[in-house]
Amino acid sequence: MDGKARIIFPILMAGVMAFLMTALITWLNLGFPPNYMALWLKAFAVAWPAAAVAAFIAIPLARRATAAIVAFLDRKAS
């Protein structure tokens, strides 16, 4: 992945994950009170930027770890 995709992908992935996780955690903690949507969107507004920063850090680490694991498994299979 290169160019603009290296920036757009982590932001979108973080948005999807933050959207789903904040919905679930808000529901688990509060149930469905009348102001559920406002509380959820407030949590999402905080979580998305934090998740995007985490994604920019985690994605390269995960790629390297995946490559190392696959290389190890390939050596074991040979």
C-alpha atoms as a PDB file:
ATOM      1  CA  MET A   1       0.000   0.000   0.000  1.00  0.00           C
ATOM      2  CA  ASP A   2       1.389   3.387  -0.888  1.00  0.00           C
ATOM      3  CA  GLY A   3       0.615   7.036  -1.297  1.00  0.00           C
ATOM      4  CA  LYS A   4      -2.719   8.304  -0.087  1.00  0.00           C
ATOM      5  CA  ALA A   5      -3.912   4.788   0.743  1.00  0.00           C
ATOM      6  CA  ARG A   6      -1.359   4.580   3.590  1.00  0.00           C
ATOM      7  CA  ILE A   7      -3.140   7.496   5.267  1.00  0.00           C
ATOM      8  CA  ILE A   8      -6.755   6.815   4.292  1.00  0.00           C
ATOM      9  CA  PHE A   9      -6.820   3.099   5.170  1.00  0.00           C
ATOM     10  CA  PRO A  10      -5.925   3.419   8.887  1.00  0.00           C
ATOM     11  CA  ILE A  11      -8.335   6.325   9.342  1.00  0.00           C
ATOM     12  CA  LEU A  12     -11.240   4.422   7.779  1.00  0.00           C
ATOM     13  CA  MET A  13     -10.408   1.180   9.571  1.00  0.00           C
ATOM     14  CA  ALA A  14     -10.184   3.040  12.883  1.00  0.00           C
ATOM     15  CA  GLY A  15     -13.529   4.711  12.166  1.00  0.00           C
ATOM     16  CA  VAL A  16     -15.293   1.418  11.540  1.00  0.00           C
ATOM     17  CA  MET A  17     -13.762  -0.202  14.625  1.00  0.00           C
ATOM     18  CA  ALA A  18     -14.476   2.807  16.854  1.00  0.00           C
ATOM     19  CA  PHE A  19     -18.053   3.009  15.533  1.00  0.00           C
ATOM     20  CA  LEU A  20     -18.790  -0.630  16.353  1.00  0.00           C
ATOM     21  CA  MET A  21     -16.886  -0.823  19.628  1.00  0.00           C
ATOM     22  CA  THR A  22     -18.282   2.382  21.108  1.00  0.00           C
ATOM     23  CA  ALA A  23     -21.803   1.261  20.213  1.00  0.00           C
ATOM     24  CA  LEU A  24     -21.247  -2.060  21.966  1.00  0.00           C
ATOM     25  CA  ILE A  25     -19.486  -0.684  25.036  1.00  0.00           C
ATOM     26  CA  THR A  26     -22.008   2.131  25.464  1.00  0.00           C
ATOM     27  CA  TRP A  27     -24.824  -0.429  25.316  1.00  0.00           C
ATOM     28  CA  LEU A  28     -23.071  -2.805  27.734  1.00  0.00           C
ATOM     29  CA  ASN A  29     -22.442  -0.026  30.246  1.00  0.00           C
ATOM     30  CA  LEU A  30     -25.741   1.864  29.990  1.00  0.00           C
ATOM     31  CA  GLY A  31     -28.291  -0.249  28.166  1.00  0.00           C
ATOM     32  CA  PHE A  32     -30.537   1.859  25.925  1.00  0.00           C
ATOM     33  CA  PRO A  33     -31.373   5.025  27.858  1.00  0.00           C
ATOM     34  CA  PRO A  34     -33.312   7.764  26.033  1.00  0.00           C
ATOM     35  CA  ASN A  35     -30.073   9.658  25.310  1.00  0.00           C
ATOM     36  CA  TYR A  36     -28.203   6.568  24.065  1.00  0.00           C
ATOM     37  CA  MET A  37     -27.447   8.080  20.640  1.00  0.00           C
ATOM     38  CA  ALA A  38     -25.981  11.268  22.144  1.00  0.00           C
ATOM     39  CA  LEU A  39     -23.828   9.287  24.575  1.00  0.00           C
ATOM     40  CA  TRP A  40     -22.695   6.893  21.868  1.00  0.00           C
ATOM     41  CA  LEU A  41     -21.783   9.673  19.440  1.00  0.00           C
ATOM     42  CA  LYS A  42     -19.859  11.488  22.175  1.00  0.00           C
ATOM     43  CA  ALA A  43     -17.873   8.300  22.874  1.00  0.00           C
ATOM     44  CA  PHE A  44     -17.335   7.785  19.137  1.00  0.00           C
ATOM     45  CA  ALA A  45     -16.067  11.361  18.678  1.00  0.00           C
ATOM     46  CA  VAL A  46     -13.377  10.688  21.292  1.00  0.00           C
ATOM     47  CA  ALA A  47     -12.591   7.127  20.217  1.00  0.00           C
ATOM     48  CA  TRP A  48     -12.130   7.635  16.475  1.00  0.00           C
ATOM     49  CA  PRO A  49      -9.114   9.976  16.643  1.00  0.00           C
ATOM     50  CA  ALA A  50      -7.543   7.834  19.365  1.00  0.00           C
ATOM     51  CA  ALA A  51      -8.133   4.694  17.303  1.00  0.00           C
ATOM     52  CA  ALA A  52      -6.647   6.364  14.214  1.00  0.00           C
ATOM     53  CA  VAL A  53      -3.440   7.201  16.073  1.00  0.00           C
ATOM     54  CA  ALA A  54      -3.316   3.642  17.410  1.00  0.00           C
ATOM     55  CA  ALA A  55      -3.862   2.261  13.890  1.00  0.00           C
ATOM     56  CA  PHE A  56      -0.957   4.295  12.472  1.00  0.00           C
ATOM     57  CA  ILE A  57       1.245   2.700  15.134  1.00  0.00           C
ATOM     58  CA  ALA A  58      -0.248  -0.814  15.105  1.00  0.00           C
ATOM     59  CA  ILE A  59      -0.587  -1.493  11.368  1.00  0.00           C
ATOM     60  CA  PRO A  60       3.165  -1.442  10.581  1.00  0.00           C
ATOM     61  CA  LEU A  61       3.875  -3.547  13.673  1.00  0.00           C
ATOM     62  CA  ALA A  62       1.168  -6.034  12.720  1.00  0.00           C
ATOM     63  CA  ARG A  63       2.527  -6.269   9.163  1.00  0.00           C
ATOM     64  CA  ARG A  64       6.049  -7.029  10.422  1.00  0.00           C
ATOM     65  CA  ALA A  65       4.752  -9.545  12.976  1.00  0.00           C
ATOM     66  CA  THR A  66       2.614 -11.240  10.318  1.00  0.00           C
ATOM     67  CA  ALA A  67       5.581 -11.484   7.938  1.00  0.00           C
ATOM     68  CA  ALA A  68       7.739 -12.968  10.699  1.00  0.00           C
ATOM     69  CA  ILE A  69       5.095 -15.540  11.671  1.00  0.00           C
ATOM     70  CA  VAL A  70       4.466 -16.553   8.062  1.00  0.00           C
ATOM     71  CA  ALA A  71       8.214 -16.888   7.438  1.00  0.00           C
ATOM     72  CA  PHE A  72       8.558 -19.008  10.571  1.00  0.00           C
ATOM     73  CA  LEU A  73       5.650 -21.253   9.550  1.00  0.00           C
ATOM     74  CA  ASP A  74       7.063 -21.599   6.045  1.00  0.00           C
ATOM     75  CA  ARG A  75      10.450 -22.662   7.453  1.00  0.00           C
ATOM     76  CA  LYS A  76       8.732 -25.208   9.714  1.00  0.00           C
ATOM     77  CA  ALA A  77       6.739 -26.630   6.771  1.00  0.00           C
ATOM     78  CA  SER A  78       9.882 -27.120   4.660  1.00  0.00           C
END
